Amino acid sequence: MQEGPTQERFVRALVGVVAASALAYPILLCAVELALAQLLVVDVPAVVLWLTVAVACSVAVVAALRWGVARPVRSPWLLTGLVPPAVFELWVVWPLLTG
């Protein structure tokens, strides 16, 4: 009678994967909007908005996957992984901030 908990874990893992994959297109949209807001006409409020939405979607993807495997999201490495994109965004916007 071990099939009950095993099947329950399998279903939970599948739901986590489906929830995480559902956020792939919003993250792609955020990437496109960020590129447009930075490259065509520099729009700082739009950059901040789309960057915030992208970070929220990225954290939601990790949270959905962690929920699927029944592990809490308490890792400081999750926030550490956001440092390289933040540094890149700062590098792109730096000429606007200094000049």
Protein backbone atom coordinates (compact mmCIF):
# COMPACT_ATOMS: atom_id res chain seq x y z
CA MET A 1 0.00 0.00 0.00
CA GLN A 2 2.91 2.35 -0.67
CA GLU A 3 1.35 3.53 -3.92
CA GLY A 4 -0.75 6.29 -2.32
CA PRO A 5 2.06 8.57 -1.09
CA THR A 6 4.24 7.79 -4.12
CA GLN A 7 1.46 8.67 -6.53
CA GLU A 8 0.68 11.80 -4.52
CA ARG A 9 4.33 12.93 -4.74
CA PHE A 10 4.36 12.22 -8.48
CA VAL A 11 1.21 14.29 -9.06
CA ARG A 12 2.59 17.11 -6.91
CA ALA A 13 5.85 17.08 -8.89
CA LEU A 14 3.95 17.22 -12.19
CA VAL A 15 1.82 20.13 -10.99
CA GLY A 16 5.02 21.95 -9.96
CA VAL A 17 6.57 21.42 -13.38
CA VAL A 18 3.40 22.57 -15.17
CA ALA A 19 3.16 25.67 -12.97
CA ALA A 20 6.81 26.50 -13.57
CA SER A 21 6.55 25.97 -17.32
CA ALA A 22 3.48 28.22 -17.42
CA LEU A 23 5.76 31.08 -16.35
CA ALA A 24 8.16 30.61 -19.27
CA TYR A 25 6.23 32.89 -21.63
CA PRO A 26 5.81 35.73 -19.12
CA ILE A 27 9.57 35.63 -18.50
CA LEU A 28 10.19 35.74 -22.26
CA LEU A 29 7.79 38.68 -22.58
CA CYS A 30 9.65 40.48 -19.79
CA ALA A 31 12.96 39.91 -21.59
CA VAL A 32 11.61 41.34 -24.85
CA GLU A 33 10.03 44.33 -23.10
CA LEU A 34 13.25 44.99 -21.18
CA ALA A 35 15.24 44.95 -24.40
CA LEU A 36 12.80 47.35 -26.06
CA ALA A 37 12.72 49.66 -23.05
CA GLN A 38 16.51 49.85 -22.96
CA LEU A 39 17.55 49.81 -26.59
CA LEU A 40 14.99 51.70 -28.68
CA VAL A 41 13.88 54.53 -26.42
CA VAL A 42 15.33 54.49 -22.93
CA ASP A 43 12.40 54.42 -20.53
CA VAL A 44 13.63 54.03 -16.96
CA PRO A 45 10.20 53.45 -15.35
CA ALA A 46 9.46 50.71 -17.91
CA VAL A 47 12.85 49.11 -17.21
CA VAL A 48 12.13 49.09 -13.49
CA LEU A 49 8.63 47.71 -14.04
CA TRP A 50 9.64 44.90 -16.39
CA LEU A 51 12.69 44.02 -14.32
CA THR A 52 10.50 43.73 -11.22
CA VAL A 53 8.01 41.53 -13.06
CA ALA A 54 10.83 39.36 -14.44
CA VAL A 55 12.35 38.88 -10.98
CA ALA A 56 8.93 38.01 -9.54
CA CYS A 57 8.33 35.45 -12.31
CA SER A 58 11.79 33.94 -11.84
CA VAL A 59 11.25 33.56 -8.11
CA ALA A 60 7.81 32.08 -8.80
CA VAL A 61 9.34 29.47 -11.13
CA VAL A 62 11.76 28.36 -8.44
CA ALA A 63 9.01 28.40 -5.82
CA ALA A 64 6.74 26.26 -8.01
CA LEU A 65 9.49 23.72 -8.63
CA ARG A 66 10.42 23.63 -4.95
CA TRP A 67 6.76 23.21 -4.01
CA GLY A 68 6.51 20.33 -6.47
CA VAL A 69 9.23 18.41 -4.67
CA ALA A 70 7.84 19.42 -1.25
CA ARG A 71 10.83 21.51 -0.20
CA PRO A 72 10.50 24.99 1.27
CA VAL A 73 12.00 27.99 -0.50
CA ARG A 74 14.47 29.31 2.05
CA SER A 75 17.66 29.32 0.08
CA PRO A 76 19.80 32.46 0.07
CA TRP A 77 21.30 31.14 -3.19
CA LEU A 78 18.03 31.98 -4.93
CA LEU A 79 18.63 35.67 -4.30
CA THR A 80 22.36 35.32 -5.02
CA GLY A 81 21.46 33.98 -8.47
CA LEU A 82 19.75 37.29 -9.22
CA VAL A 83 23.00 39.25 -8.80
CA PRO A 84 24.44 38.67 -12.35
CA PRO A 85 21.30 39.91 -14.15
CA ALA A 86 21.14 42.89 -11.78
CA VAL A 87 24.77 43.76 -12.51
CA PHE A 88 24.09 43.51 -16.25
CA GLU A 89 21.07 45.81 -15.96
CA LEU A 90 23.13 48.30 -13.97
CA TRP A 91 25.84 48.15 -16.64
CA VAL A 92 23.28 48.88 -19.37
CA VAL A 93 21.62 51.77 -17.50
CA TRP A 94 24.85 53.20 -16.02
CA PRO A 95 25.38 55.81 -18.82
CA LEU A 96 21.93 57.22 -18.11
CA LEU A 97 22.57 57.42 -14.39
CA THR A 98 25.94 59.17 -14.76
CA GLY A 99 25.28 61.39 -17.69
